Amino acid sequence: MKKSLGLGGSVVSKNILKNLGELKWCIKEEPINEVDNGWRFLSDIDTEEFLADASNMSICDWGTILEIEPAIIKIFDMPIGTEITLLTENNKKYFVYTESGEKVFF
């Protein structure tokens, strides 16, 4: 069992957890309880139909998601309402704001 980082849990697509798809969309919502950190992670292969079925999502410790995609380490403290997309170009990963396409600078 992985050790918790004490940063709460996030809702994650099972496509990410099963290594079927790569983490692509990151959305920070209002947490629903004291354990929820508000982050929601969707994969590059998730469809509307897939996302409509709640059983296709899982709650995971932040540390588990960080092990799958280390790029998220920089986004934890972003504000509620953040919607960003993880892109890869020339083997380098970076985030853009989903709506505007502007690069996220940390």
C-alpha atoms as a PDB file:
ATOM      1  CA  MET A   1       0.000   0.000   0.000  1.00  0.00           C
ATOM      2  CA  LYS A   2       1.301   3.436  -0.927  1.00  0.00           C
ATOM      3  CA  LYS A   3       1.945   5.898   1.857  1.00  0.00           C
ATOM      4  CA  SER A   4      -0.380   8.894   1.905  1.00  0.00           C
ATOM      5  CA  LEU A   5       1.148  12.333   1.456  1.00  0.00           C
ATOM      6  CA  GLY A   6      -1.643  13.838   3.554  1.00  0.00           C
ATOM      7  CA  LEU A   7      -2.854  15.936   0.619  1.00  0.00           C
ATOM      8  CA  GLY A   8      -6.290  14.379   0.410  1.00  0.00           C
ATOM      9  CA  GLY A   9      -8.049  12.454  -2.282  1.00  0.00           C
ATOM     10  CA  SER A  10      -9.063  13.229  -5.840  1.00  0.00           C
ATOM     11  CA  VAL A  11     -11.589  11.798  -8.255  1.00  0.00           C
ATOM     12  CA  VAL A  12      -9.770  10.008 -11.083  1.00  0.00           C
ATOM     13  CA  SER A  13     -10.832   8.274 -14.283  1.00  0.00           C
ATOM     14  CA  LYS A  14     -10.304   4.519 -14.096  1.00  0.00           C
ATOM     15  CA  ASN A  15      -8.762   4.787 -17.575  1.00  0.00           C
ATOM     16  CA  ILE A  16      -5.839   6.582 -15.893  1.00  0.00           C
ATOM     17  CA  LEU A  17      -5.612   4.109 -13.028  1.00  0.00           C
ATOM     18  CA  LYS A  18      -5.672   1.114 -15.394  1.00  0.00           C
ATOM     19  CA  ASN A  19      -3.055   2.725 -17.693  1.00  0.00           C
ATOM     20  CA  LEU A  20      -5.501   2.662 -20.597  1.00  0.00           C
ATOM     21  CA  GLY A  21      -5.340   6.421 -21.121  1.00  0.00           C
ATOM     22  CA  GLU A  22      -3.027   9.214 -20.077  1.00  0.00           C
ATOM     23  CA  LEU A  23      -3.939  11.954 -17.621  1.00  0.00           C
ATOM     24  CA  LYS A  24      -4.980  14.943 -19.713  1.00  0.00           C
ATOM     25  CA  TRP A  25      -7.632  17.147 -18.069  1.00  0.00           C
ATOM     26  CA  CYS A  26      -7.339  18.535 -14.537  1.00  0.00           C
ATOM     27  CA  ILE A  27     -10.271  20.325 -12.951  1.00  0.00           C
ATOM     28  CA  LYS A  28     -10.372  21.771  -9.447  1.00  0.00           C
ATOM     29  CA  GLU A  29     -13.829  21.899  -7.901  1.00  0.00           C
ATOM     30  CA  GLU A  30     -15.108  22.835  -4.473  1.00  0.00           C
ATOM     31  CA  PRO A  31     -14.175  19.896  -2.190  1.00  0.00           C
ATOM     32  CA  ILE A  32     -17.183  17.900  -0.962  1.00  0.00           C
ATOM     33  CA  ASN A  33     -15.635  16.976   2.418  1.00  0.00           C
ATOM     34  CA  GLU A  34     -12.452  17.359   4.481  1.00  0.00           C
ATOM     35  CA  VAL A  35     -10.697  14.481   2.668  1.00  0.00           C
ATOM     36  CA  ASP A  36     -11.456  15.726  -0.858  1.00  0.00           C
ATOM     37  CA  ASN A  37      -8.833  18.131  -2.237  1.00  0.00           C
ATOM     38  CA  GLY A  38     -11.130  19.141  -5.108  1.00  0.00           C
ATOM     39  CA  TRP A  39      -9.055  17.807  -8.002  1.00  0.00           C
ATOM     40  CA  ARG A  40     -10.684  15.764 -10.771  1.00  0.00           C
ATOM     41  CA  PHE A  41      -8.508  14.000 -13.358  1.00  0.00           C
ATOM     42  CA  LEU A  42      -9.738  12.783 -16.733  1.00  0.00           C
ATOM     43  CA  SER A  43      -7.898  10.816 -19.393  1.00  0.00           C
ATOM     44  CA  ASP A  44      -7.266  11.473 -23.044  1.00  0.00           C
ATOM     45  CA  ILE A  45      -9.639   8.615 -24.003  1.00  0.00           C
ATOM     46  CA  ASP A  46     -12.579   9.451 -21.739  1.00  0.00           C
ATOM     47  CA  THR A  47     -15.827  10.021 -23.617  1.00  0.00           C
ATOM     48  CA  GLU A  48     -19.041  11.719 -22.489  1.00  0.00           C
ATOM     49  CA  GLU A  49     -20.659   8.278 -22.256  1.00  0.00           C
ATOM     50  CA  PHE A  50     -17.784   6.910 -20.150  1.00  0.00           C
ATOM     51  CA  LEU A  51     -17.876   9.902 -17.790  1.00  0.00           C
ATOM     52  CA  ALA A  52     -21.667   9.671 -17.405  1.00  0.00           C
ATOM     53  CA  ASP A  53     -21.197   6.380 -15.522  1.00  0.00           C
ATOM     54  CA  ALA A  54     -19.945   7.193 -12.011  1.00  0.00           C
ATOM     55  CA  SER A  55     -18.531   3.672 -11.668  1.00  0.00           C
ATOM     56  CA  ASN A  56     -15.851   4.658 -14.203  1.00  0.00           C
ATOM     57  CA  MET A  57     -14.355   7.043 -11.651  1.00  0.00           C
ATOM     58  CA  SER A  58     -12.419   6.281  -8.478  1.00  0.00           C
ATOM     59  CA  ILE A  59     -11.189   8.216  -5.451  1.00  0.00           C
ATOM     60  CA  CYS A  60      -7.429   8.108  -4.994  1.00  0.00           C
ATOM     61  CA  ASP A  61      -4.860   9.608  -2.687  1.00  0.00           C
ATOM     62  CA  TRP A  62      -2.921  12.498  -4.252  1.00  0.00           C
ATOM     63  CA  GLY A  63       0.285  10.445  -3.887  1.00  0.00           C
ATOM     64  CA  THR A  64      -1.091   7.670  -6.118  1.00  0.00           C
ATOM     65  CA  ILE A  65      -1.926  10.144  -8.873  1.00  0.00           C
ATOM     66  CA  LEU A  66       1.467  11.831  -8.482  1.00  0.00           C
ATOM     67  CA  GLU A  67       3.182   8.473  -9.036  1.00  0.00           C
ATOM     68  CA  ILE A  68       1.206   7.995 -12.257  1.00  0.00           C
ATOM     69  CA  GLU A  69       1.822  11.560 -13.531  1.00  0.00           C
ATOM     70  CA  PRO A  70       4.580  13.519 -11.756  1.00  0.00           C
ATOM     71  CA  ALA A  71       3.762  16.703 -13.730  1.00  0.00           C
ATOM     72  CA  ILE A  72       0.819  17.368 -11.396  1.00  0.00           C
ATOM     73  CA  ILE A  73       3.120  18.236  -8.487  1.00  0.00           C
ATOM     74  CA  LYS A  74       3.023  21.911  -9.543  1.00  0.00           C
ATOM     75  CA  ILE A  75      -0.766  22.272  -9.704  1.00  0.00           C
ATOM     76  CA  PHE A  76      -1.913  21.277  -6.203  1.00  0.00           C
ATOM     77  CA  ASP A  77      -2.414  24.822  -4.857  1.00  0.00           C
ATOM     78  CA  MET A  78      -4.198  26.228  -7.903  1.00  0.00           C
ATOM     79  CA  PRO A  79      -7.578  27.832  -7.080  1.00  0.00           C
ATOM     80  CA  ILE A  80     -11.019  26.271  -7.253  1.00  0.00           C
ATOM     81  CA  GLY A  81     -12.362  26.741 -10.774  1.00  0.00           C
ATOM     82  CA  THR A  82      -9.049  25.874 -12.436  1.00  0.00           C
ATOM     83  CA  GLU A  83      -9.438  23.843 -15.632  1.00  0.00           C
ATOM     84  CA  ILE A  84      -6.149  22.884 -17.261  1.00  0.00           C
ATOM     85  CA  THR A  85      -4.956  20.438 -19.899  1.00  0.00           C
ATOM     86  CA  LEU A  86      -1.671  18.536 -19.791  1.00  0.00           C
ATOM     87  CA  LEU A  87       0.097  18.514 -23.163  1.00  0.00           C
ATOM     88  CA  THR A  88       3.302  16.867 -24.351  1.00  0.00           C
ATOM     89  CA  GLU A  89       5.515  18.390 -27.020  1.00  0.00           C
ATOM     90  CA  ASN A  90       9.028  17.218 -27.901  1.00  0.00           C
ATOM     91  CA  ASN A  91       8.942  14.910 -24.837  1.00  0.00           C
ATOM     92  CA  LYS A  92       8.259  17.895 -22.550  1.00  0.00           C
ATOM     93  CA  LYS A  93       5.051  18.223 -20.558  1.00  0.00           C
ATOM     94  CA  TYR A  94       3.285  21.484 -19.819  1.00  0.00           C
ATOM     95  CA  PHE A  95      -0.149  22.730 -18.851  1.00  0.00           C
ATOM     96  CA  VAL A  96      -2.453  25.110 -20.690  1.00  0.00           C
ATOM     97  CA  TYR A  97      -5.707  26.641 -19.520  1.00  0.00           C
ATOM     98  CA  THR A  98      -8.346  24.489 -21.195  1.00  0.00           C
ATOM     99  CA  GLU A  99     -10.618  27.329 -22.282  1.00  0.00           C
ATOM    100  CA  SER A 100      -8.017  29.798 -23.580  1.00  0.00           C
ATOM    101  CA  GLY A 101      -5.108  27.542 -24.536  1.00  0.00           C
ATOM    102  CA  GLU A 102      -2.748  29.901 -22.700  1.00  0.00           C
ATOM    103  CA  LYS A 103       0.285  28.254 -21.154  1.00  0.00           C
ATOM    104  CA  VAL A 104       0.251  27.917 -17.363  1.00  0.00           C
ATOM    105  CA  PHE A 105       3.331  29.399 -15.707  1.00  0.00           C
ATOM    106  CA  PHE A 106       4.321  28.395 -12.181  1.00  0.00           C
END
